[in-house]
C-alpha atoms as a PDB file:
ATOM      1  CA  MET A   1       0.000   0.000   0.000  1.00  0.00           C
ATOM      2  CA  GLY A   2       1.311   3.447  -0.869  1.00  0.00           C
ATOM      3  CA  ARG A   3       1.414   6.673   1.041  1.00  0.00           C
ATOM      4  CA  ARG A   4      -1.910   8.156   2.101  1.00  0.00           C
ATOM      5  CA  VAL A   5      -3.229  11.181   3.937  1.00  0.00           C
ATOM      6  CA  TYR A   6      -5.196  10.425   7.109  1.00  0.00           C
ATOM      7  CA  GLU A   7      -7.610  12.393   9.272  1.00  0.00           C
ATOM      8  CA  LEU A   8      -7.440  11.527  12.953  1.00  0.00           C
ATOM      9  CA  ARG A   9     -10.237  12.703  15.223  1.00  0.00           C
ATOM     10  CA  VAL A  10      -9.306  13.050  18.878  1.00  0.00           C
ATOM     11  CA  ARG A  11     -11.333  14.227  21.832  1.00  0.00           C
ATOM     12  CA  GLY A  12     -10.506  17.737  23.020  1.00  0.00           C
ATOM     13  CA  PRO A  13      -7.935  20.308  21.896  1.00  0.00           C
ATOM     14  CA  VAL A  14      -4.386  19.388  20.854  1.00  0.00           C
ATOM     15  CA  PRO A  15      -1.609  21.875  21.714  1.00  0.00           C
ATOM     16  CA  PRO A  16       0.206  23.408  18.688  1.00  0.00           C
ATOM     17  CA  GLU A  17       3.624  22.082  19.814  1.00  0.00           C
ATOM     18  CA  LEU A  18       2.186  18.562  19.844  1.00  0.00           C
ATOM     19  CA  LEU A  19       0.800  19.028  16.325  1.00  0.00           C
ATOM     20  CA  GLU A  20       4.270  19.975  15.146  1.00  0.00           C
ATOM     21  CA  GLU A  21       5.815  16.979  16.905  1.00  0.00           C
ATOM     22  CA  LEU A  22       3.303  14.642  15.252  1.00  0.00           C
ATOM     23  CA  GLY A  23       3.831  16.164  11.810  1.00  0.00           C
ATOM     24  CA  ALA A  24       0.116  16.845  11.556  1.00  0.00           C
ATOM     25  CA  GLU A  25      -1.897  19.977  11.063  1.00  0.00           C
ATOM     26  CA  ASP A  26      -5.056  21.015  12.861  1.00  0.00           C
ATOM     27  CA  PHE A  27      -7.697  20.596  10.206  1.00  0.00           C
ATOM     28  CA  GLY A  28     -10.325  22.127  12.437  1.00  0.00           C
ATOM     29  CA  GLU A  29     -12.107  21.770  15.698  1.00  0.00           C
ATOM     30  CA  GLU A  30     -15.607  20.476  16.068  1.00  0.00           C
ATOM     31  CA  PRO A  31     -16.046  20.799  19.816  1.00  0.00           C
ATOM     32  CA  PRO A  32     -15.255  18.590  21.593  1.00  0.00           C
ATOM     33  CA  LEU A  33     -13.114  17.172  18.743  1.00  0.00           C
ATOM     34  CA  THR A  34      -9.863  18.108  17.063  1.00  0.00           C
ATOM     35  CA  ILE A  35      -9.332  16.848  13.532  1.00  0.00           C
ATOM     36  CA  LEU A  36      -5.689  16.195  12.693  1.00  0.00           C
ATOM     37  CA  ARG A  37      -4.579  15.804   9.089  1.00  0.00           C
ATOM     38  CA  THR A  38      -1.352  13.936   8.427  1.00  0.00           C
ATOM     39  CA  GLU A  39       1.237  14.400   5.738  1.00  0.00           C
ATOM     40  CA  PRO A  40       1.185  11.580   3.169  1.00  0.00           C
ATOM     41  CA  THR A  41       2.443   8.539   5.072  1.00  0.00           C
ATOM     42  CA  ASP A  42       2.518   4.764   4.858  1.00  0.00           C
ATOM     43  CA  GLN A  43       1.034   2.173   7.252  1.00  0.00           C
ATOM     44  CA  PRO A  44       4.090   2.051   9.593  1.00  0.00           C
ATOM     45  CA  GLY A  45       4.028   5.863   9.804  1.00  0.00           C
ATOM     46  CA  LEU A  46       0.345   5.809  10.704  1.00  0.00           C
ATOM     47  CA  HIS A  47       0.904   3.162  13.393  1.00  0.00           C
ATOM     48  CA  GLY A  48       3.743   5.221  14.865  1.00  0.00           C
ATOM     49  CA  MET A  49       1.479   8.257  15.053  1.00  0.00           C
ATOM     50  CA  LEU A  50      -1.305   6.219  16.701  1.00  0.00           C
ATOM     51  CA  GLN A  51       1.147   4.897  19.313  1.00  0.00           C
ATOM     52  CA  ARG A  52       2.343   8.449  20.007  1.00  0.00           C
ATOM     53  CA  LEU A  53      -1.247   9.675  20.489  1.00  0.00           C
ATOM     54  CA  ARG A  54      -1.882   6.799  22.900  1.00  0.00           C
ATOM     55  CA  SER A  55       1.326   7.513  24.860  1.00  0.00           C
ATOM     56  CA  LEU A  56       0.215  11.148  25.257  1.00  0.00           C
ATOM     57  CA  GLY A  57      -3.146  10.057  26.649  1.00  0.00           C
ATOM     58  CA  LEU A  58      -5.146  11.505  23.756  1.00  0.00           C
ATOM     59  CA  ASP A  59      -8.479   9.800  23.172  1.00  0.00           C
ATOM     60  CA  LEU A  60      -8.584   8.685  19.530  1.00  0.00           C
ATOM     61  CA  LEU A  61     -12.146   8.541  18.236  1.00  0.00           C
ATOM     62  CA  GLU A  62     -11.778   7.898  14.510  1.00  0.00           C
ATOM     63  CA  VAL A  63      -9.265   7.429  11.689  1.00  0.00           C
ATOM     64  CA  ARG A  64     -10.204   8.111   8.054  1.00  0.00           C
ATOM     65  CA  THR A  65      -8.308   8.143   4.825  1.00  0.00           C
ATOM     66  CA  ALA A  66      -8.573  11.535   3.185  1.00  0.00           C
ATOM     67  CA  ALA A  67      -8.013  12.869  -0.285  1.00  0.00           C
ATOM     68  CA  PRO A  68      -4.655  14.607  -0.562  1.00  0.00           C
ATOM     69  CA  GLU A  69      -4.577  18.345  -0.972  1.00  0.00           C
ATOM     70  CA  PRO A  70      -4.092  19.366  -4.612  1.00  0.00           C
ATOM     71  CA  SER A  71      -0.503  20.361  -3.790  1.00  0.00           C
ATOM     72  CA  ASP A  72       0.129  16.840  -2.331  1.00  0.00           C
ATOM     73  CA  ALA A  73      -1.225  15.014  -5.330  1.00  0.00           C
ATOM     74  CA  ALA A  74       0.881  14.041  -8.283  1.00  0.00           C
ATOM     75  CA  PRO A  75       0.416  16.307 -11.273  1.00  0.00           C
ATOM     76  CA  PRO A  76      -2.142  14.968 -13.698  1.00  0.00           C
ATOM     77  CA  THR A  77      -0.683  13.154 -16.628  1.00  0.00           C
ATOM     78  CA  VAL A  78      -1.630  14.370 -20.053  1.00  0.00           C
ATOM     79  CA  PRO A  79      -1.769  11.655 -22.682  1.00  0.00           C
ATOM     80  CA  ALA A  80       0.508  12.181 -25.635  1.00  0.00           C
ATOM     81  CA  PRO A  81      -1.343  13.246 -28.730  1.00  0.00           C
ATOM     82  CA  SER A  82      -1.960  10.297 -30.964  1.00  0.00           C
ATOM     83  CA  ALA A  83      -1.634  10.314 -34.705  1.00  0.00           C
ATOM     84  CA  PRO A  84      -4.907  10.349 -36.600  1.00  0.00           C
ATOM     85  CA  PRO A  85      -5.970   6.899 -37.693  1.00  0.00           C
ATOM     86  CA  GLN A  86      -4.608   5.848 -41.038  1.00  0.00           C
ATOM     87  CA  VAL A  87      -7.384   5.355 -43.563  1.00  0.00           C
ATOM     88  CA  PRO A  88      -6.284   3.118 -46.428  1.00  0.00           C
ATOM     89  CA  LYS A  89      -6.553   4.712 -49.814  1.00  0.00           C
ATOM     90  CA  PRO A  90      -8.814   2.909 -52.240  1.00  0.00           C
ATOM     91  CA  ALA A  91      -6.910   0.829 -54.709  1.00  0.00           C
ATOM     92  CA  GLU A  92      -6.667   2.380 -58.109  1.00  0.00           C
ATOM     93  CA  PRO A  93      -7.992   0.239 -60.907  1.00  0.00           C
ATOM     94  CA  PRO A  94      -5.333  -1.150 -63.192  1.00  0.00           C
ATOM     95  CA  ASP A  95      -4.876   0.670 -66.455  1.00  0.00           C
ATOM     96  CA  ALA A  96      -7.508  -0.783 -68.733  1.00  0.00           C
ATOM     97  CA  PRO A  97      -6.914  -0.807 -72.462  1.00  0.00           C
ATOM     98  CA  ALA A  98      -8.852   1.778 -74.319  1.00  0.00           C
ATOM     99  CA  VAL A  99     -12.061   0.434 -75.749  1.00  0.00           C
ATOM    100  CA  ARG A 100     -12.531   1.203 -79.408  1.00  0.00           C
ATOM    101  CA  PRO A 101     -16.001   1.506 -80.755  1.00  0.00           C
ATOM    102  CA  THR A 102     -16.811  -1.104 -83.288  1.00  0.00           C
ATOM    103  CA  SER A 103     -18.532  -0.112 -86.453  1.00  0.00           C
END
C-alpha cells in the first residue's frame, strides 16, 4: 500500500507544539473534537502516530483516509497526442486498355 493522507479525530484540543511533533496539522475543531490531518504517510508511519497519540493520553475517536490536498497530489498526466488513424486509400484500378467503338 502506498502513502496516504489520514484524518485523525481526537477528543478535546491538541496543543500546537504537539501538532508539530506529530507532523500533523489542525484541520479544524468540532467541539469537543480536534481533527488532525497527516502528511502523506505509509502504514508504519500511521501506526507510529497512533502509538504516540496513545502515549500522550489523547483519546482517539476515529481514523479516516482523506483525499490529498491538490498540492500533495501528483500532477495529472496528459496523454501524448496520438496520430490520426490511417485510412487506407482505395486501390486504383489497373490501367484498362482503351475500348474502341466497333462499327
